[in-house]
Amino acid sequence: MKLLVIGSGGREHALAWKLARSPRISRVLVAPGNAGTAREEGLANVAANAIPEGPDHGKRDAVFSCQLEPFRY
């Protein structure tokens, strides 16, 4: 299964890294990602504007989409 994590911060990096460790996950795409996610095995940065179709992209490429929001206190 491929996953799409949306965000560029440390929280998204940590989540994408942990998800990539699962044997059920073949690839984790991070949009837009950061320098750390670019170096991690199993992760791939994707330009945020490279996915203009939004949910339709997930249907076409069999990606489970995960939208992350910043925590609010």
PDB file of N, CA and C in Angstrom:
ATOM      1  N   MET A   1       0.837  -1.160   0.000  1.00  0.00           N
ATOM      2  CA  MET A   1       0.000   0.000   0.000  1.00  0.00           C
ATOM      3  C   MET A   1       0.892   1.236   0.000  1.00  0.00           C
ATOM      4  N   LYS A   2       0.501   2.249  -0.762  1.00  0.00           N
ATOM      5  CA  LYS A   2       1.198   3.534  -0.767  1.00  0.00           C
ATOM      6  C   LYS A   2       0.390   4.534   0.046  1.00  0.00           C
ATOM      7  N   LEU A   3       1.093   5.391   0.782  1.00  0.00           N
ATOM      8  CA  LEU A   3       0.448   6.423   1.585  1.00  0.00           C
ATOM      9  C   LEU A   3       0.931   7.786   1.154  1.00  0.00           C
ATOM     10  N   LEU A   4       0.080   8.784   1.328  1.00  0.00           N
ATOM     11  CA  LEU A   4       0.444  10.171   1.068  1.00  0.00           C
ATOM     12  C   LEU A   4       0.280  10.945   2.365  1.00  0.00           C
ATOM     13  N   VAL A   5       1.375  11.498   2.874  1.00  0.00           N
ATOM     14  CA  VAL A   5       1.351  12.339   4.068  1.00  0.00           C
ATOM     15  C   VAL A   5       1.538  13.774   3.587  1.00  0.00           C
ATOM     16  N   ILE A   6       0.644  14.653   4.014  1.00  0.00           N
ATOM     17  CA  ILE A   6       0.702  16.047   3.566  1.00  0.00           C
ATOM     18  C   ILE A   6       1.272  16.907   4.682  1.00  0.00           C
ATOM     19  N   GLY A   7       2.385  17.573   4.401  1.00  0.00           N
ATOM     20  CA  GLY A   7       3.022  18.458   5.364  1.00  0.00           C
ATOM     21  C   GLY A   7       4.528  18.470   5.185  1.00  0.00           C
ATOM     22  N   SER A   8       5.190  19.389   5.874  1.00  0.00           N
ATOM     23  CA  SER A   8       6.638  19.522   5.702  1.00  0.00           C
ATOM     24  C   SER A   8       7.383  19.665   7.024  1.00  0.00           C
ATOM     25  N   GLY A   9       6.694  19.430   8.114  1.00  0.00           N
ATOM     26  CA  GLY A   9       7.342  19.621   9.408  1.00  0.00           C
ATOM     27  C   GLY A   9       7.883  18.346  10.017  1.00  0.00           C
ATOM     28  N   GLY A  10       8.392  18.477  11.214  1.00  0.00           N
ATOM     29  CA  GLY A  10       8.960  17.352  11.932  1.00  0.00           C
ATOM     30  C   GLY A  10       7.920  16.307  12.306  1.00  0.00           C
ATOM     31  N   ARG A  11       6.708  16.755  12.617  1.00  0.00           N
ATOM     32  CA  ARG A  11       5.639  15.826  12.956  1.00  0.00           C
ATOM     33  C   ARG A  11       5.322  14.908  11.782  1.00  0.00           C
ATOM     34  N   GLU A  12       5.217  15.504  10.585  1.00  0.00           N
ATOM     35  CA  GLU A  12       4.936  14.723   9.385  1.00  0.00           C
ATOM     36  C   GLU A  12       6.094  13.794   9.047  1.00  0.00           C
ATOM     37  N   HIS A  13       7.316  14.263   9.268  1.00  0.00           N
ATOM     38  CA  HIS A  13       8.496  13.440   9.041  1.00  0.00           C
ATOM     39  C   HIS A  13       8.456  12.213   9.949  1.00  0.00           C
ATOM     40  N   ALA A  14       8.197  12.423  11.226  1.00  0.00           N
ATOM     41  CA  ALA A  14       8.163  11.317  12.183  1.00  0.00           C
ATOM     42  C   ALA A  14       7.060  10.322  11.832  1.00  0.00           C
ATOM     43  N   LEU A  15       5.879  10.831  11.476  1.00  0.00           N
ATOM     44  CA  LEU A  15       4.772   9.952  11.121  1.00  0.00           C
ATOM     45  C   LEU A  15       5.087   9.159   9.851  1.00  0.00           C
ATOM     46  N   ALA A  16       5.608   9.845   8.825  1.00  0.00           N
ATOM     47  CA  ALA A  16       5.946   9.167   7.568  1.00  0.00           C
ATOM     48  C   ALA A  16       7.027   8.113   7.800  1.00  0.00           C
ATOM     49  N   TRP A  17       8.032   8.425   8.602  1.00  0.00           N
ATOM     50  CA  TRP A  17       9.110   7.484   8.896  1.00  0.00           C
ATOM     51  C   TRP A  17       8.558   6.229   9.567  1.00  0.00           C
ATOM     52  N   LYS A  18       7.682   6.427  10.559  1.00  0.00           N
ATOM     53  CA  LYS A  18       7.109   5.290  11.281  1.00  0.00           C
ATOM     54  C   LYS A  18       6.211   4.463  10.363  1.00  0.00           C
ATOM     55  N   LEU A  19       5.407   5.111   9.549  1.00  0.00           N
ATOM     56  CA  LEU A  19       4.543   4.390   8.608  1.00  0.00           C
ATOM     57  C   LEU A  19       5.365   3.562   7.624  1.00  0.00           C
ATOM     58  N   ALA A  20       6.490   4.114   7.172  1.00  0.00           N
ATOM     59  CA  ALA A  20       7.341   3.418   6.197  1.00  0.00           C
ATOM     60  C   ALA A  20       7.953   2.147   6.783  1.00  0.00           C
ATOM     61  N   ARG A  21       8.009   2.021   8.100  1.00  0.00           N
ATOM     62  CA  ARG A  21       8.583   0.836   8.735  1.00  0.00           C
ATOM     63  C   ARG A  21       7.643  -0.371   8.692  1.00  0.00           C
ATOM     64  N   SER A  22       6.370  -0.129   8.406  1.00  0.00           N
ATOM     65  CA  SER A  22       5.391  -1.218   8.377  1.00  0.00           C
ATOM     66  C   SER A  22       5.620  -2.111   7.163  1.00  0.00           C
ATOM     67  N   PRO A  23       5.566  -3.425   7.337  1.00  0.00           N
ATOM     68  CA  PRO A  23       5.732  -4.325   6.195  1.00  0.00           C
ATOM     69  C   PRO A  23       4.566  -4.243   5.208  1.00  0.00           C
ATOM     70  N   ARG A  24       3.444  -3.655   5.619  1.00  0.00           N
ATOM     71  CA  ARG A  24       2.283  -3.522   4.735  1.00  0.00           C
ATOM     72  C   ARG A  24       2.379  -2.302   3.818  1.00  0.00           C
ATOM     73  N   ILE A  25       3.328  -1.414   4.095  1.00  0.00           N
ATOM     74  CA  ILE A  25       3.464  -0.170   3.336  1.00  0.00           C
ATOM     75  C   ILE A  25       4.605  -0.308   2.342  1.00  0.00           C
ATOM     76  N   SER A  26       4.313  -0.078   1.061  1.00  0.00           N
ATOM     77  CA  SER A  26       5.358  -0.178   0.039  1.00  0.00           C
ATOM     78  C   SER A  26       6.074   1.150  -0.170  1.00  0.00           C
ATOM     79  N   ARG A  27       5.380   2.264   0.004  1.00  0.00           N
ATOM     80  CA  ARG A  27       5.972   3.579  -0.254  1.00  0.00           C
ATOM     81  C   ARG A  27       5.178   4.634   0.482  1.00  0.00           C
ATOM     82  N   VAL A  28       5.876   5.636   1.025  1.00  0.00           N
ATOM     83  CA  VAL A  28       5.221   6.777   1.649  1.00  0.00           C
ATOM     84  C   VAL A  28       5.649   8.022   0.886  1.00  0.00           C
ATOM     85  N   LEU A  29       4.682   8.710   0.305  1.00  0.00           N
ATOM     86  CA  LEU A  29       4.930   9.966  -0.383  1.00  0.00           C
ATOM     87  C   LEU A  29       4.653  11.095   0.595  1.00  0.00           C
ATOM     88  N   VAL A  30       5.510  12.105   0.615  1.00  0.00           N
ATOM     89  CA  VAL A  30       5.354  13.236   1.516  1.00  0.00           C
ATOM     90  C   VAL A  30       5.285  14.504   0.673  1.00  0.00           C
ATOM     91  N   ALA A  31       4.180  15.241   0.799  1.00  0.00           N
ATOM     92  CA  ALA A  31       3.994  16.462   0.007  1.00  0.00           C
ATOM     93  C   ALA A  31       3.854  17.656   0.939  1.00  0.00           C
ATOM     94  N   PRO A  32       4.711  18.648   0.891  1.00  0.00           N
ATOM     95  CA  PRO A  32       5.880  18.752   0.033  1.00  0.00           C
ATOM     96  C   PRO A  32       7.121  18.110   0.616  1.00  0.00           C
ATOM     97  N   GLY A  33       7.064  17.685   1.876  1.00  0.00           N
ATOM     98  CA  GLY A  33       8.243  17.057   2.470  1.00  0.00           C
ATOM     99  C   GLY A  33       9.288  18.063   2.904  1.00  0.00           C
ATOM    100  N   ASN A  34      10.455  17.556   3.291  1.00  0.00           N
ATOM    101  CA  ASN A  34      11.552  18.429   3.719  1.00  0.00           C
ATOM    102  C   ASN A  34      12.875  17.709   3.461  1.00  0.00           C
ATOM    103  N   ALA A  35      13.967  18.324   3.846  1.00  0.00           N
ATOM    104  CA  ALA A  35      15.291  17.742   3.581  1.00  0.00           C
ATOM    105  C   ALA A  35      15.460  16.399   4.286  1.00  0.00           C
ATOM    106  N   GLY A  36      14.869  16.246   5.457  1.00  0.00           N
ATOM    107  CA  GLY A  36      14.981  14.989   6.186  1.00  0.00           C
ATOM    108  C   GLY A  36      14.214  13.863   5.511  1.00  0.00           C
ATOM    109  N   THR A  37      12.996  14.143   5.050  1.00  0.00           N
ATOM    110  CA  THR A  37      12.215  13.097   4.395  1.00  0.00           C
ATOM    111  C   THR A  37      12.812  12.727   3.042  1.00  0.00           C
ATOM    112  N   ALA A  38      13.541  13.640   2.445  1.00  0.00           N
ATOM    113  CA  ALA A  38      14.185  13.354   1.150  1.00  0.00           C
ATOM    114  C   ALA A  38      15.284  12.308   1.302  1.00  0.00           C
ATOM    115  N   ARG A  39      15.883  12.211   2.500  1.00  0.00           N
ATOM    116  CA  ARG A  39      16.998  11.281   2.718  1.00  0.00           C
ATOM    117  C   ARG A  39      16.581   9.925   3.268  1.00  0.00           C
ATOM    118  N   GLU A  40      15.346   9.817   3.741  1.00  0.00           N
ATOM    119  CA  GLU A  40      14.901   8.576   4.386  1.00  0.00           C
ATOM    120  C   GLU A  40      14.551   7.494   3.366  1.00  0.00           C
ATOM    121  N   GLU A  41      14.983   6.283   3.654  1.00  0.00           N
ATOM    122  CA  GLU A  41      14.633   5.151   2.811  1.00  0.00           C
ATOM    123  C   GLU A  41      13.135   4.853   2.965  1.00  0.00           C
ATOM    124  N   GLY A  42      12.456   4.622   1.859  1.00  0.00           N
ATOM    125  CA  GLY A  42      11.030   4.318   1.881  1.00  0.00           C
ATOM    126  C   GLY A  42      10.144   5.534   1.777  1.00  0.00           C
ATOM    127  N   LEU A  43      10.756   6.742   1.842  1.00  0.00           N
ATOM    128  CA  LEU A  43       9.991   7.986   1.709  1.00  0.00           C
ATOM    129  C   LEU A  43      10.380   8.680   0.409  1.00  0.00           C
ATOM    130  N   ALA A  44       9.445   9.410  -0.160  1.00  0.00           N
ATOM    131  CA  ALA A  44       9.724  10.189  -1.364  1.00  0.00           C
ATOM    132  C   ALA A  44       8.974  11.507  -1.270  1.00  0.00           C
ATOM    133  N   ASN A  45       9.692  12.608  -1.457  1.00  0.00           N
ATOM    134  CA  ASN A  45       9.051  13.919  -1.476  1.00  0.00           C
ATOM    135  C   ASN A  45       8.336  14.122  -2.805  1.00  0.00           C
ATOM    136  N   VAL A  46       7.196  14.772  -2.742  1.00  0.00           N
ATOM    137  CA  VAL A  46       6.412  15.102  -3.926  1.00  0.00           C
ATOM    138  C   VAL A  46       6.029  16.563  -3.806  1.00  0.00           C
ATOM    139  N   ALA A  47       6.167  17.317  -4.878  1.00  0.00           N
ATOM    140  CA  ALA A  47       5.767  18.725  -4.846  1.00  0.00           C
ATOM    141  C   ALA A  47       4.272  18.803  -4.547  1.00  0.00           C
ATOM    142  N   ALA A  48       3.886  19.713  -3.661  1.00  0.00           N
ATOM    143  CA  ALA A  48       2.477  19.818  -3.278  1.00  0.00           C
ATOM    144  C   ALA A  48       1.602  20.123  -4.483  1.00  0.00           C
ATOM    145  N   ASN A  49       2.112  20.898  -5.430  1.00  0.00           N
ATOM    146  CA  ASN A  49       1.312  21.238  -6.606  1.00  0.00           C
ATOM    147  C   ASN A  49       1.377  20.152  -7.681  1.00  0.00           C
ATOM    148  N   ALA A  50       2.100  19.072  -7.434  1.00  0.00           N
ATOM    149  CA  ALA A  50       2.163  17.958  -8.390  1.00  0.00           C
ATOM    150  C   ALA A  50       0.958  17.047  -8.240  1.00  0.00           C
ATOM    151  N   ILE A  51       0.124  17.322  -7.263  1.00  0.00           N
ATOM    152  CA  ILE A  51      -1.049  16.491  -7.024  1.00  0.00           C
ATOM    153  C   ILE A  51      -2.301  17.376  -7.124  1.00  0.00           C
ATOM    154  N   PRO A  52      -2.544  17.972  -8.291  1.00  0.00           N
ATOM    155  CA  PRO A  52      -3.673  18.890  -8.415  1.00  0.00           C
ATOM    156  C   PRO A  52      -5.032  18.202  -8.349  1.00  0.00           C
ATOM    157  N   GLU A  53      -5.081  16.911  -8.628  1.00  0.00           N
ATOM    158  CA  GLU A  53      -6.355  16.202  -8.642  1.00  0.00           C
ATOM    159  C   GLU A  53      -6.854  15.882  -7.245  1.00  0.00           C
ATOM    160  N   GLY A  54      -6.009  16.021  -6.251  1.00  0.00           N
ATOM    161  CA  GLY A  54      -6.398  15.723  -4.877  1.00  0.00           C
ATOM    162  C   GLY A  54      -6.808  14.273  -4.708  1.00  0.00           C
ATOM    163  N   PRO A  55      -8.040  14.027  -4.235  1.00  0.00           N
ATOM    164  CA  PRO A  55      -8.473  12.645  -3.988  1.00  0.00           C
ATOM    165  C   PRO A  55      -8.448  11.761  -5.235  1.00  0.00           C
ATOM    166  N   ASP A  56      -8.651  12.338  -6.414  1.00  0.00           N
ATOM    167  CA  ASP A  56      -8.624  11.532  -7.637  1.00  0.00           C
ATOM    168  C   ASP A  56      -7.246  10.927  -7.883  1.00  0.00           C
ATOM    169  N   HIS A  57      -6.200  11.601  -7.450  1.00  0.00           N
ATOM    170  CA  HIS A  57      -4.837  11.067  -7.586  1.00  0.00           C
ATOM    171  C   HIS A  57      -4.743   9.751  -6.827  1.00  0.00           C
ATOM    172  N   GLY A  58      -5.299   9.727  -5.634  1.00  0.00           N
ATOM    173  CA  GLY A  58      -5.268   8.516  -4.820  1.00  0.00           C
ATOM    174  C   GLY A  58      -5.985   7.355  -5.485  1.00  0.00           C
ATOM    175  N   LYS A  59      -7.093   7.623  -6.127  1.00  0.00           N
ATOM    176  CA  LYS A  59      -7.834   6.564  -6.818  1.00  0.00           C
ATOM    177  C   LYS A  59      -7.023   6.023  -7.987  1.00  0.00           C
ATOM    178  N   ARG A  60      -6.403   6.928  -8.750  1.00  0.00           N
ATOM    179  CA  ARG A  60      -5.662   6.517  -9.942  1.00  0.00           C
ATOM    180  C   ARG A  60      -4.414   5.719  -9.590  1.00  0.00           C
ATOM    181  N   ASP A  61      -3.679   6.144  -8.566  1.00  0.00           N
ATOM    182  CA  ASP A  61      -2.414   5.503  -8.218  1.00  0.00           C
ATOM    183  C   ASP A  61      -2.502   4.621  -6.981  1.00  0.00           C
ATOM    184  N   ALA A  62      -3.710   4.305  -6.540  1.00  0.00           N
ATOM    185  CA  ALA A  62      -3.922   3.444  -5.369  1.00  0.00           C
ATOM    186  C   ALA A  62      -3.171   3.959  -4.145  1.00  0.00           C
ATOM    187  N   VAL A  63      -3.348   5.243  -3.849  1.00  0.00           N
ATOM    188  CA  VAL A  63      -2.717   5.873  -2.691  1.00  0.00           C
ATOM    189  C   VAL A  63      -3.788   6.149  -1.643  1.00  0.00           C
ATOM    190  N   PHE A  64      -3.532   5.736  -0.415  1.00  0.00           N
ATOM    191  CA  PHE A  64      -4.392   6.103   0.693  1.00  0.00           C
ATOM    192  C   PHE A  64      -3.942   7.479   1.140  1.00  0.00           C
ATOM    193  N   SER A  65      -4.823   8.449   1.147  1.00  0.00           N
ATOM    194  CA  SER A  65      -4.457   9.826   1.445  1.00  0.00           C
ATOM    195  C   SER A  65      -4.691  10.151   2.917  1.00  0.00           C
ATOM    196  N   CYS A  66      -3.720  10.783   3.523  1.00  0.00           N
ATOM    197  CA  CYS A  66      -3.793  11.145   4.939  1.00  0.00           C
ATOM    198  C   CYS A  66      -3.538  12.644   5.071  1.00  0.00           C
ATOM    199  N   GLN A  67      -4.542  13.402   5.436  1.00  0.00           N
ATOM    200  CA  GLN A  67      -4.410  14.852   5.600  1.00  0.00           C
ATOM    201  C   GLN A  67      -4.065  15.166   7.044  1.00  0.00           C
ATOM    202  N   LEU A  68      -2.987  15.893   7.259  1.00  0.00           N
ATOM    203  CA  LEU A  68      -2.569  16.264   8.609  1.00  0.00           C
ATOM    204  C   LEU A  68      -2.828  17.731   8.863  1.00  0.00           C
ATOM    205  N   GLU A  69      -3.291  18.031  10.026  1.00  0.00           N
ATOM    206  CA  GLU A  69      -3.549  19.415  10.446  1.00  0.00           C
ATOM    207  C   GLU A  69      -2.635  19.732  11.620  1.00  0.00           C
ATOM    208  N   PRO A  70      -2.199  20.971  11.738  1.00  0.00           N
ATOM    209  CA  PRO A  70      -1.385  21.337  12.911  1.00  0.00           C
ATOM    210  C   PRO A  70      -2.236  21.241  14.189  1.00  0.00           C
ATOM    211  N   PHE A  71      -1.563  20.891  15.266  1.00  0.00           N
ATOM    212  CA  PHE A  71      -2.270  20.856  16.548  1.00  0.00           C
ATOM    213  C   PHE A  71      -2.658  22.267  16.950  1.00  0.00           C
ATOM    214  N   ARG A  72      -3.807  22.390  17.567  1.00  0.00           N
ATOM    215  CA  ARG A  72      -4.269  23.690  18.070  1.00  0.00           C
ATOM    216  C   ARG A  72      -4.469  23.575  19.572  1.00  0.00           C
ATOM    217  N   TYR A  73      -3.898  24.506  20.302  1.00  0.00           N
ATOM    218  CA  TYR A  73      -3.990  24.466  21.769  1.00  0.00           C
ATOM    219  C   TYR A  73      -4.993  25.459  22.269  1.00  0.00           C
TER     220      TYR A  73
END
